[in-house]
């Protein structure tokens, strides 16, 4: 099948890809067992599927939930289509479904909120967001899909009390403060929660996402280091968990309004600080 597939995130538990299928055939593909647990979120076109002999129509208002081992085949009645693919490991599926990786049958219909979250995830991926941010957004999107398929199982892993939610949030904040470059899956293991439940709980308690909180921690650490005169910007970017120096520069410019070099000059030179302050002071 001709087409284009761009992978934005790949780790042991999650794969996120943008797929543009170039198939022009209208007939059915050969039958094959599903090799993974996956979610297919169609954006353009129509996909017909036969899953264990039952036929389904898939469009941009539905999500195809691929169950490992299910016998499936597909047809593209309108020709080429495009979709977002999320592949999950068995442990991650179990985390999202109350500890049981068995995925129930059914069709998940796309709500307006889910449609927006899907496109925001793609926008972040195409904009160069790092693995932590993409991992959090992907986990939340997958969690919403499974909540539509099996709401009681999807909700079973969430902390029940306000005190438990606060403890989980505080544990995550402490772990991030100790190691801002930690990965999302590793953070979940430390605090004993799936990335999806951790993200939902953290946002519910603090009002901001894990990614936004981590960005603030990294900004504070970067400002301190630049104020000490740090000149190894590539090394500082690695230490703080940025993809590279350019990624750190974009992040600091977005959050602090200046690139690292200007921030260093501002924080280490009283004269520069006075000049910059006078530039931004409103006229008398």
C-alpha atoms as a PDB file:
ATOM      1  CA  UNK A   1       0.000   0.000   0.000  1.00  0.00           C
ATOM      2  CA  UNK A   2       1.644   3.223  -1.152  1.00  0.00           C
ATOM      3  CA  UNK A   3       1.573   6.204   1.153  1.00  0.00           C
ATOM      4  CA  UNK A   4       3.458   8.292   3.678  1.00  0.00           C
ATOM      5  CA  UNK A   5       3.907   7.637   7.411  1.00  0.00           C
ATOM      6  CA  UNK A   6       5.605  10.117   9.727  1.00  0.00           C
ATOM      7  CA  UNK A   7       6.390   8.949  13.254  1.00  0.00           C
ATOM      8  CA  UNK A   8       6.432  11.702  15.874  1.00  0.00           C
ATOM      9  CA  UNK A   9       6.805   9.606  19.027  1.00  0.00           C
ATOM     10  CA  UNK A  10       8.214   6.133  19.505  1.00  0.00           C
ATOM     11  CA  UNK A  11       9.109   4.491  22.803  1.00  0.00           C
ATOM     12  CA  UNK A  12       8.514   1.160  24.515  1.00  0.00           C
ATOM     13  CA  UNK A  13       4.891   1.984  25.358  1.00  0.00           C
ATOM     14  CA  UNK A  14       3.558   4.440  22.774  1.00  0.00           C
ATOM     15  CA  UNK A  15       3.891   5.191  19.076  1.00  0.00           C
ATOM     16  CA  UNK A  16       2.302   8.249  17.461  1.00  0.00           C
ATOM     17  CA  UNK A  17       2.253   8.584  13.671  1.00  0.00           C
ATOM     18  CA  UNK A  18       0.609  10.683  10.966  1.00  0.00           C
ATOM     19  CA  UNK A  19      -0.356   8.396   8.073  1.00  0.00           C
ATOM     20  CA  UNK A  20      -1.408   9.349   4.567  1.00  0.00           C
ATOM     21  CA  UNK A  21      -2.579   6.244   2.761  1.00  0.00           C
ATOM     22  CA  UNK A  22      -2.080   6.381  -1.001  1.00  0.00           C
ATOM     23  CA  UNK A  23      -4.194   3.327  -1.792  1.00  0.00           C
ATOM     24  CA  UNK A  24      -6.352   3.711  -4.921  1.00  0.00           C
ATOM     25  CA  UNK A  25      -7.813   0.204  -4.813  1.00  0.00           C
ATOM     26  CA  UNK A  26     -11.466  -0.157  -3.836  1.00  0.00           C
ATOM     27  CA  UNK A  27     -11.330  -3.865  -2.976  1.00  0.00           C
ATOM     28  CA  UNK A  28     -10.700  -5.590   0.337  1.00  0.00           C
ATOM     29  CA  UNK A  29      -7.203  -6.207   1.639  1.00  0.00           C
ATOM     30  CA  UNK A  30      -6.202  -9.711   2.657  1.00  0.00           C
ATOM     31  CA  UNK A  31      -7.286 -10.931   6.093  1.00  0.00           C
ATOM     32  CA  UNK A  32      -4.616 -10.652   8.767  1.00  0.00           C
ATOM     33  CA  UNK A  33      -4.551 -10.668  12.562  1.00  0.00           C
ATOM     34  CA  UNK A  34      -4.038  -7.274  14.190  1.00  0.00           C
ATOM     35  CA  UNK A  35      -0.386  -7.175  15.301  1.00  0.00           C
ATOM     36  CA  UNK A  36      -0.815  -4.450  17.940  1.00  0.00           C
ATOM     37  CA  UNK A  37      -3.184  -2.628  20.238  1.00  0.00           C
ATOM     38  CA  UNK A  38      -3.923   0.532  18.300  1.00  0.00           C
ATOM     39  CA  UNK A  39      -6.198   3.482  17.719  1.00  0.00           C
ATOM     40  CA  UNK A  40      -6.906   4.792  14.220  1.00  0.00           C
ATOM     41  CA  UNK A  41      -8.378   8.306  14.118  1.00  0.00           C
ATOM     42  CA  UNK A  42      -9.413   8.994  10.540  1.00  0.00           C
ATOM     43  CA  UNK A  43      -9.114  12.617   9.413  1.00  0.00           C
ATOM     44  CA  UNK A  44      -9.995  12.413   5.731  1.00  0.00           C
ATOM     45  CA  UNK A  45     -11.747   9.798   3.643  1.00  0.00           C
ATOM     46  CA  UNK A  46     -13.730   6.674   4.513  1.00  0.00           C
ATOM     47  CA  UNK A  47     -12.356   3.322   5.644  1.00  0.00           C
ATOM     48  CA  UNK A  48     -14.405   0.132   5.642  1.00  0.00           C
ATOM     49  CA  UNK A  49     -13.289  -2.611   7.965  1.00  0.00           C
ATOM     50  CA  UNK A  50     -14.141  -6.232   8.641  1.00  0.00           C
ATOM     51  CA  UNK A  51     -13.162  -7.290  12.129  1.00  0.00           C
ATOM     52  CA  UNK A  52     -13.705 -10.949  13.015  1.00  0.00           C
ATOM     53  CA  UNK A  53     -16.229 -11.046  10.184  1.00  0.00           C
ATOM     54  CA  UNK A  54     -18.240  -7.994  11.316  1.00  0.00           C
ATOM     55  CA  UNK A  55     -18.229  -5.025   8.943  1.00  0.00           C
ATOM     56  CA  UNK A  56     -17.776  -1.431  10.113  1.00  0.00           C
ATOM     57  CA  UNK A  57     -17.640   1.984   8.440  1.00  0.00           C
ATOM     58  CA  UNK A  58     -14.954   4.304   9.770  1.00  0.00           C
ATOM     59  CA  UNK A  59     -14.931   8.052   9.218  1.00  0.00           C
ATOM     60  CA  UNK A  60     -13.692  11.219  10.923  1.00  0.00           C
ATOM     61  CA  UNK A  61     -16.500  10.980  13.496  1.00  0.00           C
ATOM     62  CA  UNK A  62     -15.420   7.558  14.806  1.00  0.00           C
ATOM     63  CA  UNK A  63     -12.315   5.847  16.176  1.00  0.00           C
ATOM     64  CA  UNK A  64     -11.208   2.368  15.157  1.00  0.00           C
ATOM     65  CA  UNK A  65      -9.917   0.497  18.199  1.00  0.00           C
ATOM     66  CA  UNK A  66      -7.566  -2.230  16.972  1.00  0.00           C
ATOM     67  CA  UNK A  67      -7.623  -5.313  19.240  1.00  0.00           C
ATOM     68  CA  UNK A  68      -4.500  -7.455  19.257  1.00  0.00           C
ATOM     69  CA  UNK A  69      -5.098 -10.698  17.343  1.00  0.00           C
ATOM     70  CA  UNK A  70      -8.467  -9.729  15.842  1.00  0.00           C
ATOM     71  CA  UNK A  71      -8.877 -10.899  12.223  1.00  0.00           C
ATOM     72  CA  UNK A  72      -9.218  -7.776  10.132  1.00  0.00           C
ATOM     73  CA  UNK A  73      -9.251  -6.494   6.572  1.00  0.00           C
ATOM     74  CA  UNK A  74      -9.869  -3.059   5.063  1.00  0.00           C
ATOM     75  CA  UNK A  75     -11.129  -1.303   1.947  1.00  0.00           C
ATOM     76  CA  UNK A  76     -10.811   2.321   0.816  1.00  0.00           C
ATOM     77  CA  UNK A  77     -14.065   3.061  -1.074  1.00  0.00           C
ATOM     78  CA  UNK A  78     -13.144   6.712  -1.717  1.00  0.00           C
ATOM     79  CA  UNK A  79      -9.485   6.103  -2.466  1.00  0.00           C
ATOM     80  CA  UNK A  80      -6.632   7.686  -0.461  1.00  0.00           C
ATOM     81  CA  UNK A  81      -7.267   8.733   3.127  1.00  0.00           C
ATOM     82  CA  UNK A  82      -5.322  10.103   6.089  1.00  0.00           C
ATOM     83  CA  UNK A  83      -5.383   9.212   9.754  1.00  0.00           C
ATOM     84  CA  UNK A  84      -3.552   9.477  13.047  1.00  0.00           C
ATOM     85  CA  UNK A  85      -2.232   6.201  14.434  1.00  0.00           C
ATOM     86  CA  UNK A  86      -1.595   5.531  18.125  1.00  0.00           C
ATOM     87  CA  UNK A  87      -0.047   2.172  19.035  1.00  0.00           C
ATOM     88  CA  UNK A  88       0.026   1.150  22.703  1.00  0.00           C
ATOM     89  CA  UNK A  89       1.907  -1.572  24.547  1.00  0.00           C
ATOM     90  CA  UNK A  90      -0.093  -4.207  26.410  1.00  0.00           C
ATOM     91  CA  UNK A  91       0.920  -2.776  29.833  1.00  0.00           C
ATOM     92  CA  UNK A  92      -0.198   0.706  28.767  1.00  0.00           C
ATOM     93  CA  UNK A  93      -3.568  -0.635  27.570  1.00  0.00           C
ATOM     94  CA  UNK A  94      -3.968  -2.411  30.899  1.00  0.00           C
ATOM     95  CA  UNK A  95      -3.230   0.835  32.755  1.00  0.00           C
ATOM     96  CA  UNK A  96      -5.943   2.594  30.776  1.00  0.00           C
ATOM     97  CA  UNK A  97      -8.505  -0.174  31.369  1.00  0.00           C
ATOM     98  CA  UNK A  98      -8.270  -0.824  35.090  1.00  0.00           C
ATOM     99  CA  UNK A  99      -5.454  -3.352  34.944  1.00  0.00           C
ATOM    100  CA  UNK A 100      -6.972  -5.635  32.278  1.00  0.00           C
ATOM    101  CA  UNK A 101      -5.505  -5.416  28.732  1.00  0.00           C
ATOM    102  CA  UNK A 102      -8.580  -7.054  27.156  1.00  0.00           C
ATOM    103  CA  UNK A 103     -10.061  -4.413  24.862  1.00  0.00           C
ATOM    104  CA  UNK A 104     -13.868  -4.606  24.636  1.00  0.00           C
ATOM    105  CA  UNK A 105     -15.547  -4.554  21.245  1.00  0.00           C
ATOM    106  CA  UNK A 106     -17.449  -1.508  20.083  1.00  0.00           C
ATOM    107  CA  UNK A 107     -17.227   1.736  18.173  1.00  0.00           C
ATOM    108  CA  UNK A 108     -16.087   4.946  19.839  1.00  0.00           C
ATOM    109  CA  UNK A 109     -17.795   8.030  18.425  1.00  0.00           C
ATOM    110  CA  UNK A 110     -15.782  11.244  18.338  1.00  0.00           C
ATOM    111  CA  UNK A 111     -17.031  14.066  20.545  1.00  0.00           C
ATOM    112  CA  UNK A 112     -16.179  17.705  19.724  1.00  0.00           C
ATOM    113  CA  UNK A 113     -13.767  17.681  22.655  1.00  0.00           C
ATOM    114  CA  UNK A 114     -12.029  14.568  21.365  1.00  0.00           C
ATOM    115  CA  UNK A 115     -11.815  16.000  17.840  1.00  0.00           C
ATOM    116  CA  UNK A 116     -10.142  19.148  19.180  1.00  0.00           C
ATOM    117  CA  UNK A 117      -7.734  17.184  21.412  1.00  0.00           C
ATOM    118  CA  UNK A 118      -6.768  15.061  18.399  1.00  0.00           C
ATOM    119  CA  UNK A 119      -5.937  18.102  16.248  1.00  0.00           C
ATOM    120  CA  UNK A 120      -4.100  19.856  19.092  1.00  0.00           C
ATOM    121  CA  UNK A 121      -1.955  16.746  19.528  1.00  0.00           C
ATOM    122  CA  UNK A 122      -1.098  16.790  15.818  1.00  0.00           C
ATOM    123  CA  UNK A 123      -0.343  20.509  15.954  1.00  0.00           C
ATOM    124  CA  UNK A 124       2.056  19.986  18.857  1.00  0.00           C
ATOM    125  CA  UNK A 125       3.722  17.075  17.076  1.00  0.00           C
ATOM    126  CA  UNK A 126       4.156  19.016  13.850  1.00  0.00           C
ATOM    127  CA  UNK A 127       5.436  21.993  15.846  1.00  0.00           C
ATOM    128  CA  UNK A 128       8.295  19.961  17.304  1.00  0.00           C
ATOM    129  CA  UNK A 129       7.013  19.265  20.821  1.00  0.00           C
ATOM    130  CA  UNK A 130       9.276  16.976  22.853  1.00  0.00           C
ATOM    131  CA  UNK A 131       8.576  13.379  23.869  1.00  0.00           C
ATOM    132  CA  UNK A 132       7.309  14.284  27.368  1.00  0.00           C
ATOM    133  CA  UNK A 133       4.691  16.686  26.024  1.00  0.00           C
ATOM    134  CA  UNK A 134       3.631  14.353  23.206  1.00  0.00           C
ATOM    135  CA  UNK A 135       3.512  11.428  25.616  1.00  0.00           C
ATOM    136  CA  UNK A 136       1.225  13.323  27.983  1.00  0.00           C
ATOM    137  CA  UNK A 137      -1.093  14.512  25.197  1.00  0.00           C
ATOM    138  CA  UNK A 138      -1.193  11.061  23.588  1.00  0.00           C
ATOM    139  CA  UNK A 139      -1.955   9.357  26.910  1.00  0.00           C
ATOM    140  CA  UNK A 140      -4.812  11.750  27.589  1.00  0.00           C
ATOM    141  CA  UNK A 141      -6.264  11.297  24.100  1.00  0.00           C
ATOM    142  CA  UNK A 142      -6.044   7.495  24.341  1.00  0.00           C
ATOM    143  CA  UNK A 143      -7.588   7.660  27.798  1.00  0.00           C
ATOM    144  CA  UNK A 144     -10.558   9.615  26.464  1.00  0.00           C
ATOM    145  CA  UNK A 145     -11.081   7.040  23.709  1.00  0.00           C
ATOM    146  CA  UNK A 146     -11.076   4.160  26.193  1.00  0.00           C
ATOM    147  CA  UNK A 147     -13.360   6.127  28.516  1.00  0.00           C
ATOM    148  CA  UNK A 148     -15.873   6.170  25.671  1.00  0.00           C
ATOM    149  CA  UNK A 149     -15.476   2.431  25.145  1.00  0.00           C
ATOM    150  CA  UNK A 150     -15.424   1.227  28.777  1.00  0.00           C
ATOM    151  CA  UNK A 151     -16.090   4.163  31.147  1.00  0.00           C
ATOM    152  CA  UNK A 152     -16.131   2.243  34.423  1.00  0.00           C
ATOM    153  CA  UNK A 153     -12.886   0.389  33.683  1.00  0.00           C
ATOM    154  CA  UNK A 154     -11.184   3.563  32.442  1.00  0.00           C
ATOM    155  CA  UNK A 155     -12.101   5.399  35.648  1.00  0.00           C
ATOM    156  CA  UNK A 156     -11.053   2.629  38.024  1.00  0.00           C
ATOM    157  CA  UNK A 157      -7.387   3.641  38.275  1.00  0.00           C
ATOM    158  CA  UNK A 158      -7.974   7.226  39.339  1.00  0.00           C
ATOM    159  CA  UNK A 159      -7.290   8.293  42.944  1.00  0.00           C
ATOM    160  CA  UNK A 160     -10.616   8.279  44.763  1.00  0.00           C
ATOM    161  CA  UNK A 161     -10.135  10.972  47.399  1.00  0.00           C
ATOM    162  CA  UNK A 162      -8.982  14.573  47.295  1.00  0.00           C
ATOM    163  CA  UNK A 163      -6.164  13.695  49.704  1.00  0.00           C
ATOM    164  CA  UNK A 164      -4.951  10.889  47.426  1.00  0.00           C
ATOM    165  CA  UNK A 165      -5.042  13.170  44.399  1.00  0.00           C
ATOM    166  CA  UNK A 166      -3.067  15.806  46.268  1.00  0.00           C
ATOM    167  CA  UNK A 167      -0.471  13.241  47.392  1.00  0.00           C
ATOM    168  CA  UNK A 168      -0.048  11.974  43.848  1.00  0.00           C
ATOM    169  CA  UNK A 169       0.366  15.527  42.555  1.00  0.00           C
ATOM    170  CA  UNK A 170       2.877  16.403  45.270  1.00  0.00           C
ATOM    171  CA  UNK A 171       4.877  13.243  44.560  1.00  0.00           C
ATOM    172  CA  UNK A 172       5.013  14.140  40.867  1.00  0.00           C
ATOM    173  CA  UNK A 173       6.090  17.715  41.635  1.00  0.00           C
ATOM    174  CA  UNK A 174       8.863  16.468  43.909  1.00  0.00           C
ATOM    175  CA  UNK A 175      10.131  14.000  41.293  1.00  0.00           C
ATOM    176  CA  UNK A 176      10.104  16.646  38.557  1.00  0.00           C
ATOM    177  CA  UNK A 177      11.893  19.160  40.774  1.00  0.00           C
ATOM    178  CA  UNK A 178      14.618  16.596  41.473  1.00  0.00           C
ATOM    179  CA  UNK A 179      14.992  15.614  37.804  1.00  0.00           C
ATOM    180  CA  UNK A 180      13.378  17.962  35.240  1.00  0.00           C
ATOM    181  CA  UNK A 181      14.668  15.795  32.377  1.00  0.00           C
ATOM    182  CA  UNK A 182      12.819  12.674  33.556  1.00  0.00           C
ATOM    183  CA  UNK A 183      10.595  10.928  31.005  1.00  0.00           C
ATOM    184  CA  UNK A 184       6.835  10.665  31.391  1.00  0.00           C
ATOM    185  CA  UNK A 185       6.763   6.861  31.736  1.00  0.00           C
ATOM    186  CA  UNK A 186       9.557   6.944  34.320  1.00  0.00           C
ATOM    187  CA  UNK A 187       7.692   9.641  36.263  1.00  0.00           C
ATOM    188  CA  UNK A 188       4.585   7.468  36.271  1.00  0.00           C
ATOM    189  CA  UNK A 189       6.541   4.523  37.609  1.00  0.00           C
ATOM    190  CA  UNK A 190       8.029   6.621  40.415  1.00  0.00           C
ATOM    191  CA  UNK A 191       4.648   7.873  41.631  1.00  0.00           C
ATOM    192  CA  UNK A 192       2.784   4.633  40.903  1.00  0.00           C
ATOM    193  CA  UNK A 193       0.257   5.895  38.343  1.00  0.00           C
ATOM    194  CA  UNK A 194      -0.289   5.571  34.620  1.00  0.00           C
ATOM    195  CA  UNK A 195       0.653   8.650  32.570  1.00  0.00           C
ATOM    196  CA  UNK A 196      -3.020   9.171  31.706  1.00  0.00           C
ATOM    197  CA  UNK A 197      -4.281   9.116  35.293  1.00  0.00           C
ATOM    198  CA  UNK A 198      -1.292  11.110  36.498  1.00  0.00           C
ATOM    199  CA  UNK A 199      -1.899  13.791  33.864  1.00  0.00           C
ATOM    200  CA  UNK A 200      -5.624  14.080  34.599  1.00  0.00           C
ATOM    201  CA  UNK A 201      -5.069  14.163  38.335  1.00  0.00           C
ATOM    202  CA  UNK A 202      -2.237  16.687  38.146  1.00  0.00           C
ATOM    203  CA  UNK A 203      -4.240  19.054  35.939  1.00  0.00           C
ATOM    204  CA  UNK A 204      -7.295  18.700  38.151  1.00  0.00           C
ATOM    205  CA  UNK A 205      -5.324  19.627  41.269  1.00  0.00           C
ATOM    206  CA  UNK A 206      -3.028  22.337  39.892  1.00  0.00           C
ATOM    207  CA  UNK A 207      -4.972  23.724  36.941  1.00  0.00           C
ATOM    208  CA  UNK A 208      -2.048  23.207  34.537  1.00  0.00           C
ATOM    209  CA  UNK A 209      -0.655  20.204  32.685  1.00  0.00           C
ATOM    210  CA  UNK A 210       2.392  18.215  33.709  1.00  0.00           C
ATOM    211  CA  UNK A 211       4.178  19.555  30.633  1.00  0.00           C
ATOM    212  CA  UNK A 212       3.430  23.173  31.560  1.00  0.00           C
ATOM    213  CA  UNK A 213       4.623  22.608  35.132  1.00  0.00           C
ATOM    214  CA  UNK A 214       7.819  20.978  33.911  1.00  0.00           C
ATOM    215  CA  UNK A 215       8.398  23.900  31.541  1.00  0.00           C
ATOM    216  CA  UNK A 216       8.192  26.304  34.486  1.00  0.00           C
ATOM    217  CA  UNK A 217      10.672  24.253  36.475  1.00  0.00           C
ATOM    218  CA  UNK A 218      13.074  24.150  33.541  1.00  0.00           C
ATOM    219  CA  UNK A 219      12.710  27.898  33.024  1.00  0.00           C
ATOM    220  CA  UNK A 220      13.588  28.577  36.660  1.00  0.00           C
ATOM    221  CA  UNK A 221      16.612  26.250  36.472  1.00  0.00           C
ATOM    222  CA  UNK A 222      17.778  27.803  33.188  1.00  0.00           C
ATOM    223  CA  UNK A 223      17.463  31.355  34.538  1.00  0.00           C
ATOM    224  CA  UNK A 224      19.518  30.448  37.594  1.00  0.00           C
ATOM    225  CA  UNK A 225      22.247  28.871  35.482  1.00  0.00           C
ATOM    226  CA  UNK A 226      22.301  31.758  33.029  1.00  0.00           C
ATOM    227  CA  UNK A 227      22.467  34.164  35.961  1.00  0.00           C
ATOM    228  CA  UNK A 228      25.608  32.313  37.057  1.00  0.00           C
ATOM    229  CA  UNK A 229      27.095  33.029  33.621  1.00  0.00           C
ATOM    230  CA  UNK A 230      26.562  29.591  32.021  1.00  0.00           C
ATOM    231  CA  UNK A 231      27.883  29.614  28.436  1.00  0.00           C
ATOM    232  CA  UNK A 232      27.567  25.940  27.491  1.00  0.00           C
ATOM    233  CA  UNK A 233      24.044  26.249  26.149  1.00  0.00           C
ATOM    234  CA  UNK A 234      24.070  22.861  24.428  1.00  0.00           C
ATOM    235  CA  UNK A 235      25.081  21.211  27.689  1.00  0.00           C
ATOM    236  CA  UNK A 236      22.443  23.142  29.621  1.00  0.00           C
ATOM    237  CA  UNK A 237      19.783  22.054  27.113  1.00  0.00           C
ATOM    238  CA  UNK A 238      20.770  18.389  27.564  1.00  0.00           C
ATOM    239  CA  UNK A 239      20.795  18.718  31.343  1.00  0.00           C
ATOM    240  CA  UNK A 240      17.281  20.154  31.387  1.00  0.00           C
ATOM    241  CA  UNK A 241      15.881  17.568  28.982  1.00  0.00           C
ATOM    242  CA  UNK A 242      15.411  19.730  25.899  1.00  0.00           C
ATOM    243  CA  UNK A 243      15.787  18.056  22.524  1.00  0.00           C
ATOM    244  CA  UNK A 244      18.674  20.358  21.629  1.00  0.00           C
ATOM    245  CA  UNK A 245      19.901  23.928  22.077  1.00  0.00           C
ATOM    246  CA  UNK A 246      17.443  25.270  19.508  1.00  0.00           C
ATOM    247  CA  UNK A 247      14.567  23.685  21.390  1.00  0.00           C
ATOM    248  CA  UNK A 248      15.690  25.369  24.621  1.00  0.00           C
ATOM    249  CA  UNK A 249      16.107  28.708  22.843  1.00  0.00           C
ATOM    250  CA  UNK A 250      12.559  28.555  21.475  1.00  0.00           C
ATOM    251  CA  UNK A 251      11.182  27.607  24.880  1.00  0.00           C
ATOM    252  CA  UNK A 252      12.979  30.410  26.717  1.00  0.00           C
ATOM    253  CA  UNK A 253      12.009  32.968  24.104  1.00  0.00           C
ATOM    254  CA  UNK A 254       8.371  31.860  24.381  1.00  0.00           C
ATOM    255  CA  UNK A 255       8.276  31.917  28.191  1.00  0.00           C
ATOM    256  CA  UNK A 256      10.715  34.710  29.098  1.00  0.00           C
ATOM    257  CA  UNK A 257      10.599  36.803  25.946  1.00  0.00           C
ATOM    258  CA  UNK A 258      14.343  36.634  25.248  1.00  0.00           C
ATOM    259  CA  UNK A 259      16.856  34.075  23.927  1.00  0.00           C
ATOM    260  CA  UNK A 260      19.442  32.555  26.316  1.00  0.00           C
ATOM    261  CA  UNK A 261      22.256  34.964  25.380  1.00  0.00           C
ATOM    262  CA  UNK A 262      20.158  38.046  26.083  1.00  0.00           C
ATOM    263  CA  UNK A 263      18.864  36.520  29.298  1.00  0.00           C
ATOM    264  CA  UNK A 264      22.432  35.819  30.446  1.00  0.00           C
ATOM    265  CA  UNK A 265      23.430  39.414  29.732  1.00  0.00           C
ATOM    266  CA  UNK A 266      20.342  40.686  31.531  1.00  0.00           C
ATOM    267  CA  UNK A 267      20.962  38.559  34.605  1.00  0.00           C
ATOM    268  CA  UNK A 268      24.735  39.098  34.885  1.00  0.00           C
ATOM    269  CA  UNK A 269      25.120  42.768  33.940  1.00  0.00           C
ATOM    270  CA  UNK A 270      23.459  45.516  36.005  1.00  0.00           C
ATOM    271  CA  UNK A 271      24.009  47.966  33.144  1.00  0.00           C
ATOM    272  CA  UNK A 272      22.210  45.741  30.620  1.00  0.00           C
ATOM    273  CA  UNK A 273      19.425  45.099  33.110  1.00  0.00           C
ATOM    274  CA  UNK A 274      18.960  48.836  33.633  1.00  0.00           C
ATOM    275  CA  UNK A 275      18.932  49.480  29.887  1.00  0.00           C
ATOM    276  CA  UNK A 276      16.393  46.740  29.194  1.00  0.00           C
ATOM    277  CA  UNK A 277      14.236  47.943  32.067  1.00  0.00           C
ATOM    278  CA  UNK A 278      14.239  51.494  30.720  1.00  0.00           C
ATOM    279  CA  UNK A 279      13.253  50.178  27.282  1.00  0.00           C
ATOM    280  CA  UNK A 280      10.149  48.550  28.683  1.00  0.00           C
ATOM    281  CA  UNK A 281       9.232  51.275  31.227  1.00  0.00           C
ATOM    282  CA  UNK A 282       6.171  53.303  30.094  1.00  0.00           C
ATOM    283  CA  UNK A 283       6.766  57.022  29.477  1.00  0.00           C
ATOM    284  CA  UNK A 284       6.038  59.403  32.340  1.00  0.00           C
END
